[in-house]
Structures are given as C-alpha cells and as structure tokens.
Amino acid sequence: MCRAVALGGQLEQLQQFYEMVSAGREFLELDQWIGALEGKQLLSDLVIDGYTVRLTEPLARAAFFATAGFPTEDKDGLTPEELPVVIARTACDKYKHVTPMGPGAKVTGFMSNLLG
C-alpha cells in the first residue's frame, strides 16, 4: 500500500483533526503539532518484537520544518494541504527501523494512533 492511498482514505478525518488541533487558526503551529503527538503518546522510544520504534520531539520538529518551511513572513505553520505530508514524514521516521513495514503500513499505523 502506498502512502498516498493510506492518507487518501482518511482525508475527512485528517481535515477534522486539523481543525481541532489548529483551534480554527489559519495554520497548524509547531507547538500544536507537538502537543497533539504528546497527547496521543506518540513520542516514544520503544523496542517491539526486536524493532526500535522511536519518535522524539526533535524528529517531529524536523518533519514539521521540512514540510512547512518555517518561519516566513507570510506563513506561521502547516496548511491543511501540508498535514498529510508531515504525517507521512513523521510516520516513516517513527517506524524507520521496523523493516517488515512498508511506507504505506507505516503511515496507516501512525494515522491509526493519531486519529484513534
């Protein structure tokens, strides 16, 4: 399963997530993104079945900045269109060492935890 299919199937849920976390603002800010990850306990450093599953705050920040570019005069965070990209980057970082999972499975698993 490719990342686009994994994300595309939940676009409405992603839109709702964006609205809730951004509190209706024009942009999803970094502290809101980190807070959402912390709230779902997605920042972790675990070994599961011999595979390292790790997402640190610096990795989450790097995915955010790589997606949003930040800061600029006309932009203070992620747009709704950029949310799927930051999710895909974050998911692939978190499950980087879980070699049996392909990119689509990594995104699907991460989104299940983020939206569930």
N, C-alpha and C. Protein backbone atom coordinates (compact mmCIF):
# COMPACT_ATOMS: atom_id res chain seq x y z
N MET A 1 0.86 -1.18 0.00
CA MET A 1 0.00 0.00 0.00
C MET A 1 0.90 1.23 0.00
N CYS A 2 0.64 2.13 -0.90
CA CYS A 2 1.48 3.32 -0.95
C CYS A 2 0.97 4.37 0.04
N ARG A 3 1.82 5.32 0.34
CA ARG A 3 1.48 6.36 1.31
C ARG A 3 0.27 7.17 0.87
N ALA A 4 0.16 7.47 -0.41
CA ALA A 4 -0.96 8.28 -0.88
C ALA A 4 -2.29 7.59 -0.63
N VAL A 5 -2.35 6.29 -0.86
CA VAL A 5 -3.58 5.55 -0.61
C VAL A 5 -3.88 5.52 0.87
N ALA A 6 -2.86 5.31 1.70
CA ALA A 6 -3.04 5.28 3.16
C ALA A 6 -3.60 6.60 3.66
N LEU A 7 -3.12 7.68 3.11
CA LEU A 7 -3.59 9.01 3.53
C LEU A 7 -4.93 9.36 2.90
N GLY A 8 -5.10 9.03 1.64
CA GLY A 8 -6.30 9.42 0.91
C GLY A 8 -7.58 8.84 1.49
N GLY A 9 -7.49 7.68 2.07
CA GLY A 9 -8.67 7.05 2.63
C GLY A 9 -9.20 7.73 3.87
N GLN A 10 -8.44 8.64 4.44
CA GLN A 10 -8.85 9.28 5.69
C GLN A 10 -8.78 10.79 5.62
N LEU A 11 -8.97 11.34 4.43
CA LEU A 11 -8.85 12.79 4.27
C LEU A 11 -9.86 13.56 5.12
N GLU A 12 -11.07 13.05 5.24
CA GLU A 12 -12.07 13.75 6.05
C GLU A 12 -11.66 13.76 7.53
N GLN A 13 -11.15 12.63 8.02
CA GLN A 13 -10.68 12.57 9.41
C GLN A 13 -9.49 13.49 9.61
N LEU A 14 -8.61 13.57 8.62
CA LEU A 14 -7.46 14.47 8.72
C LEU A 14 -7.91 15.91 8.77
N GLN A 15 -8.92 16.25 7.99
CA GLN A 15 -9.46 17.60 8.00
C GLN A 15 -10.03 17.95 9.38
N GLN A 16 -10.76 17.02 9.97
CA GLN A 16 -11.32 17.23 11.31
C GLN A 16 -10.20 17.36 12.34
N PHE A 17 -9.19 16.51 12.23
CA PHE A 17 -8.04 16.57 13.13
C PHE A 17 -7.38 17.95 13.03
N TYR A 18 -7.17 18.42 11.81
CA TYR A 18 -6.54 19.71 11.58
C TYR A 18 -7.33 20.83 12.26
N GLU A 19 -8.64 20.83 12.06
CA GLU A 19 -9.50 21.87 12.64
C GLU A 19 -9.45 21.84 14.17
N MET A 20 -9.48 20.66 14.74
CA MET A 20 -9.45 20.53 16.20
C MET A 20 -8.11 20.99 16.77
N VAL A 21 -7.03 20.51 16.19
CA VAL A 21 -5.71 20.79 16.75
C VAL A 21 -5.29 22.23 16.48
N SER A 22 -5.64 22.76 15.31
CA SER A 22 -5.25 24.14 14.99
C SER A 22 -6.16 25.16 15.68
N ALA A 23 -7.21 24.68 16.32
CA ALA A 23 -8.18 25.54 17.01
C ALA A 23 -8.77 26.58 16.05
N GLY A 24 -8.97 26.16 14.79
CA GLY A 24 -9.58 27.03 13.81
C GLY A 24 -8.67 28.09 13.23
N ARG A 25 -7.39 28.05 13.58
CA ARG A 25 -6.45 29.03 13.03
C ARG A 25 -6.12 28.71 11.57
N GLU A 26 -5.54 29.68 10.91
CA GLU A 26 -5.18 29.51 9.51
C GLU A 26 -4.06 28.48 9.32
N PHE A 27 -3.18 28.37 10.31
CA PHE A 27 -2.05 27.45 10.24
C PHE A 27 -2.00 26.59 11.49
N LEU A 28 -1.52 25.35 11.32
CA LEU A 28 -1.24 24.48 12.45
C LEU A 28 0.17 24.81 12.92
N GLU A 29 0.29 25.29 14.15
CA GLU A 29 1.58 25.74 14.66
C GLU A 29 2.37 24.57 15.24
N LEU A 30 3.68 24.77 15.33
CA LEU A 30 4.57 23.73 15.82
C LEU A 30 4.16 23.23 17.20
N ASP A 31 3.88 24.13 18.14
CA ASP A 31 3.52 23.68 19.49
C ASP A 31 2.21 22.89 19.48
N GLN A 32 1.30 23.20 18.57
CA GLN A 32 0.06 22.44 18.46
C GLN A 32 0.34 21.03 17.93
N TRP A 33 1.23 20.90 16.96
CA TRP A 33 1.61 19.61 16.41
C TRP A 33 2.29 18.74 17.47
N ILE A 34 3.26 19.32 18.17
CA ILE A 34 3.96 18.56 19.22
C ILE A 34 2.97 18.19 20.32
N GLY A 35 2.10 19.09 20.69
CA GLY A 35 1.08 18.81 21.72
C GLY A 35 0.16 17.68 21.31
N ALA A 36 -0.23 17.64 20.05
CA ALA A 36 -1.09 16.55 19.57
C ALA A 36 -0.36 15.21 19.65
N LEU A 37 0.91 15.19 19.28
CA LEU A 37 1.70 13.96 19.35
C LEU A 37 1.87 13.51 20.80
N GLU A 38 2.16 14.46 21.69
CA GLU A 38 2.29 14.13 23.11
C GLU A 38 0.97 13.63 23.67
N GLY A 39 -0.12 14.26 23.29
CA GLY A 39 -1.43 13.89 23.80
C GLY A 39 -1.83 12.48 23.40
N LYS A 40 -1.36 12.02 22.27
CA LYS A 40 -1.65 10.65 21.80
C LYS A 40 -0.53 9.69 22.18
N GLN A 41 0.43 10.18 22.95
CA GLN A 41 1.58 9.39 23.40
C GLN A 41 2.36 8.78 22.24
N LEU A 42 2.52 9.55 21.18
CA LEU A 42 3.24 9.07 20.01
C LEU A 42 4.74 9.36 20.08
N LEU A 43 5.16 10.23 20.98
CA LEU A 43 6.59 10.42 21.20
C LEU A 43 7.04 9.30 22.11
N SER A 44 7.93 8.46 21.59
CA SER A 44 8.32 7.27 22.35
C SER A 44 9.66 6.76 21.86
N ASP A 45 10.23 5.88 22.64
CA ASP A 45 11.45 5.17 22.28
C ASP A 45 11.29 3.76 22.83
N LEU A 46 10.79 2.86 22.00
CA LEU A 46 10.45 1.51 22.43
C LEU A 46 11.14 0.48 21.55
N VAL A 47 11.21 -0.75 22.06
CA VAL A 47 11.61 -1.89 21.24
C VAL A 47 10.43 -2.85 21.28
N ILE A 48 9.88 -3.12 20.10
CA ILE A 48 8.72 -4.00 19.99
C ILE A 48 9.10 -5.13 19.04
N ASP A 49 9.03 -6.35 19.54
CA ASP A 49 9.40 -7.54 18.76
C ASP A 49 10.79 -7.40 18.14
N GLY A 50 11.70 -6.77 18.87
CA GLY A 50 13.07 -6.61 18.41
C GLY A 50 13.31 -5.41 17.50
N TYR A 51 12.27 -4.64 17.20
CA TYR A 51 12.40 -3.47 16.33
C TYR A 51 12.29 -2.20 17.14
N THR A 52 13.18 -1.26 16.87
CA THR A 52 13.13 0.03 17.54
C THR A 52 12.02 0.87 16.91
N VAL A 53 11.14 1.37 17.76
CA VAL A 53 10.06 2.27 17.36
C VAL A 53 10.31 3.56 18.11
N ARG A 54 10.77 4.59 17.37
CA ARG A 54 11.22 5.81 18.05
C ARG A 54 10.71 7.05 17.33
N LEU A 55 10.10 7.92 18.11
CA LEU A 55 9.78 9.26 17.62
C LEU A 55 10.09 10.22 18.76
N THR A 56 11.09 11.04 18.54
CA THR A 56 11.48 12.03 19.53
C THR A 56 10.93 13.39 19.11
N GLU A 57 10.92 14.31 20.05
CA GLU A 57 10.47 15.66 19.72
C GLU A 57 11.33 16.29 18.63
N PRO A 58 12.68 16.14 18.67
CA PRO A 58 13.47 16.70 17.57
C PRO A 58 13.12 16.10 16.20
N LEU A 59 12.81 14.81 16.14
CA LEU A 59 12.40 14.22 14.86
C LEU A 59 11.06 14.79 14.40
N ALA A 60 10.13 14.96 15.33
CA ALA A 60 8.82 15.52 14.99
C ALA A 60 8.97 16.97 14.53
N ARG A 61 9.84 17.72 15.19
CA ARG A 61 10.09 19.10 14.78
C ARG A 61 10.72 19.15 13.39
N ALA A 62 11.66 18.25 13.12
CA ALA A 62 12.33 18.23 11.82
C ALA A 62 11.33 17.93 10.70
N ALA A 63 10.42 16.99 10.93
CA ALA A 63 9.39 16.68 9.92
C ALA A 63 8.50 17.90 9.68
N PHE A 64 8.15 18.59 10.77
CA PHE A 64 7.31 19.79 10.67
C PHE A 64 8.02 20.86 9.85
N PHE A 65 9.27 21.15 10.19
CA PHE A 65 10.01 22.20 9.49
C PHE A 65 10.29 21.83 8.03
N ALA A 66 10.57 20.55 7.77
CA ALA A 66 10.82 20.11 6.40
C ALA A 66 9.57 20.27 5.54
N THR A 67 8.42 20.15 6.16
CA THR A 67 7.16 20.26 5.43
C THR A 67 6.71 21.71 5.31
N ALA A 68 6.73 22.43 6.41
CA ALA A 68 6.17 23.78 6.44
C ALA A 68 7.14 24.84 5.96
N GLY A 69 8.45 24.54 6.04
CA GLY A 69 9.40 25.63 5.88
C GLY A 69 9.05 26.59 7.01
N PHE A 70 9.91 27.20 7.71
CA PHE A 70 9.43 27.93 8.89
C PHE A 70 10.52 28.80 9.42
N PRO A 71 10.27 29.89 9.98
CA PRO A 71 9.10 30.73 9.74
C PRO A 71 9.35 31.63 8.55
N THR A 72 8.29 32.15 7.98
CA THR A 72 8.41 33.15 6.92
C THR A 72 7.46 34.28 7.27
N GLU A 73 7.55 35.34 6.53
CA GLU A 73 6.69 36.49 6.81
C GLU A 73 5.22 36.18 6.58
N ASP A 74 4.93 35.32 5.61
CA ASP A 74 3.54 35.07 5.26
C ASP A 74 3.02 33.71 5.72
N LYS A 75 3.82 33.00 6.52
CA LYS A 75 3.41 31.66 6.91
C LYS A 75 3.91 31.34 8.31
N ASP A 76 2.99 30.87 9.16
CA ASP A 76 3.34 30.59 10.56
C ASP A 76 3.17 29.13 10.94
N GLY A 77 3.07 28.23 9.97
CA GLY A 77 2.91 26.82 10.29
C GLY A 77 2.45 26.03 9.09
N LEU A 78 1.81 24.89 9.37
CA LEU A 78 1.33 24.00 8.32
C LEU A 78 -0.04 24.43 7.81
N THR A 79 -0.21 24.32 6.52
CA THR A 79 -1.54 24.50 5.93
C THR A 79 -2.26 23.15 5.97
N PRO A 80 -3.56 23.13 5.78
CA PRO A 80 -4.27 21.85 5.76
C PRO A 80 -3.74 20.89 4.69
N GLU A 81 -3.30 21.44 3.57
CA GLU A 81 -2.77 20.61 2.49
C GLU A 81 -1.44 19.96 2.86
N GLU A 82 -0.72 20.54 3.80
CA GLU A 82 0.59 20.01 4.19
C GLU A 82 0.49 18.96 5.30
N LEU A 83 -0.65 18.86 5.95
CA LEU A 83 -0.79 17.90 7.05
C LEU A 83 -0.50 16.47 6.61
N PRO A 84 -1.04 15.98 5.48
CA PRO A 84 -0.71 14.60 5.09
C PRO A 84 0.78 14.38 4.87
N VAL A 85 1.47 15.41 4.39
CA VAL A 85 2.91 15.28 4.14
C VAL A 85 3.67 15.14 5.46
N VAL A 86 3.34 15.98 6.44
CA VAL A 86 4.05 15.89 7.72
C VAL A 86 3.71 14.57 8.42
N ILE A 87 2.49 14.08 8.25
CA ILE A 87 2.13 12.78 8.83
C ILE A 87 2.95 11.67 8.19
N ALA A 88 3.06 11.68 6.87
CA ALA A 88 3.85 10.65 6.19
C ALA A 88 5.31 10.69 6.62
N ARG A 89 5.89 11.89 6.69
CA ARG A 89 7.29 12.01 7.13
C ARG A 89 7.47 11.52 8.56
N THR A 90 6.56 11.92 9.43
CA THR A 90 6.65 11.54 10.84
C THR A 90 6.49 10.04 11.00
N ALA A 91 5.55 9.46 10.28
CA ALA A 91 5.31 8.01 10.36
C ALA A 91 6.54 7.23 9.91
N CYS A 92 7.12 7.66 8.80
CA CYS A 92 8.30 6.95 8.30
C CYS A 92 9.50 7.11 9.23
N ASP A 93 9.61 8.24 9.90
CA ASP A 93 10.66 8.41 10.91
C ASP A 93 10.42 7.49 12.11
N LYS A 94 9.18 7.45 12.58
CA LYS A 94 8.86 6.67 13.78
C LYS A 94 9.13 5.18 13.57
N TYR A 95 8.76 4.69 12.40
CA TYR A 95 8.87 3.25 12.13
C TYR A 95 10.03 2.91 11.20
N LYS A 96 11.01 3.80 11.13
CA LYS A 96 12.15 3.62 10.22
C LYS A 96 12.83 2.27 10.38
N HIS A 97 12.97 1.80 11.60
CA HIS A 97 13.70 0.56 11.86
C HIS A 97 12.83 -0.67 11.85
N VAL A 98 11.55 -0.52 11.59
CA VAL A 98 10.64 -1.67 11.51
C VAL A 98 10.62 -2.09 10.04
N THR A 99 11.61 -2.87 9.65
CA THR A 99 11.82 -3.20 8.25
C THR A 99 10.69 -4.01 7.60
N PRO A 100 9.93 -4.82 8.33
CA PRO A 100 8.83 -5.53 7.65
C PRO A 100 7.70 -4.60 7.19
N MET A 101 7.63 -3.40 7.74
CA MET A 101 6.57 -2.46 7.36
C MET A 101 7.02 -1.64 6.17
N GLY A 102 6.18 -1.61 5.14
CA GLY A 102 6.43 -0.72 4.01
C GLY A 102 5.96 0.68 4.35
N PRO A 103 6.23 1.65 3.48
CA PRO A 103 5.82 3.03 3.76
C PRO A 103 4.32 3.18 4.00
N GLY A 104 3.50 2.50 3.24
CA GLY A 104 2.04 2.60 3.43
C GLY A 104 1.60 2.08 4.77
N ALA A 105 2.18 0.96 5.19
CA ALA A 105 1.84 0.39 6.50
C ALA A 105 2.30 1.30 7.63
N LYS A 106 3.43 1.95 7.46
CA LYS A 106 3.92 2.88 8.48
C LYS A 106 2.96 4.05 8.65
N VAL A 107 2.50 4.59 7.52
CA VAL A 107 1.57 5.71 7.56
C VAL A 107 0.22 5.27 8.13
N THR A 108 -0.27 4.13 7.69
CA THR A 108 -1.55 3.62 8.19
C THR A 108 -1.49 3.40 9.69
N GLY A 109 -0.42 2.79 10.18
CA GLY A 109 -0.27 2.55 11.62
C GLY A 109 -0.20 3.83 12.41
N PHE A 110 0.57 4.79 11.92
CA PHE A 110 0.72 6.06 12.61
C PHE A 110 -0.61 6.81 12.65
N MET A 111 -1.30 6.82 11.51
CA MET A 111 -2.59 7.53 11.47
C MET A 111 -3.62 6.87 12.37
N SER A 112 -3.57 5.57 12.47
CA SER A 112 -4.48 4.87 13.37
C SER A 112 -4.28 5.35 14.81
N ASN A 113 -3.04 5.52 15.20
CA ASN A 113 -2.73 6.00 16.54
C ASN A 113 -3.05 7.48 16.70
N LEU A 114 -2.78 8.26 15.67
CA LEU A 114 -3.01 9.71 15.75
C LEU A 114 -4.49 10.05 15.76
N LEU A 115 -5.27 9.37 14.95
CA LEU A 115 -6.69 9.70 14.82
C LEU A 115 -7.58 8.86 15.72
N GLY A 116 -7.04 7.75 16.21
CA GLY A 116 -7.87 6.82 17.01
C GLY A 116 -8.06 7.24 18.42
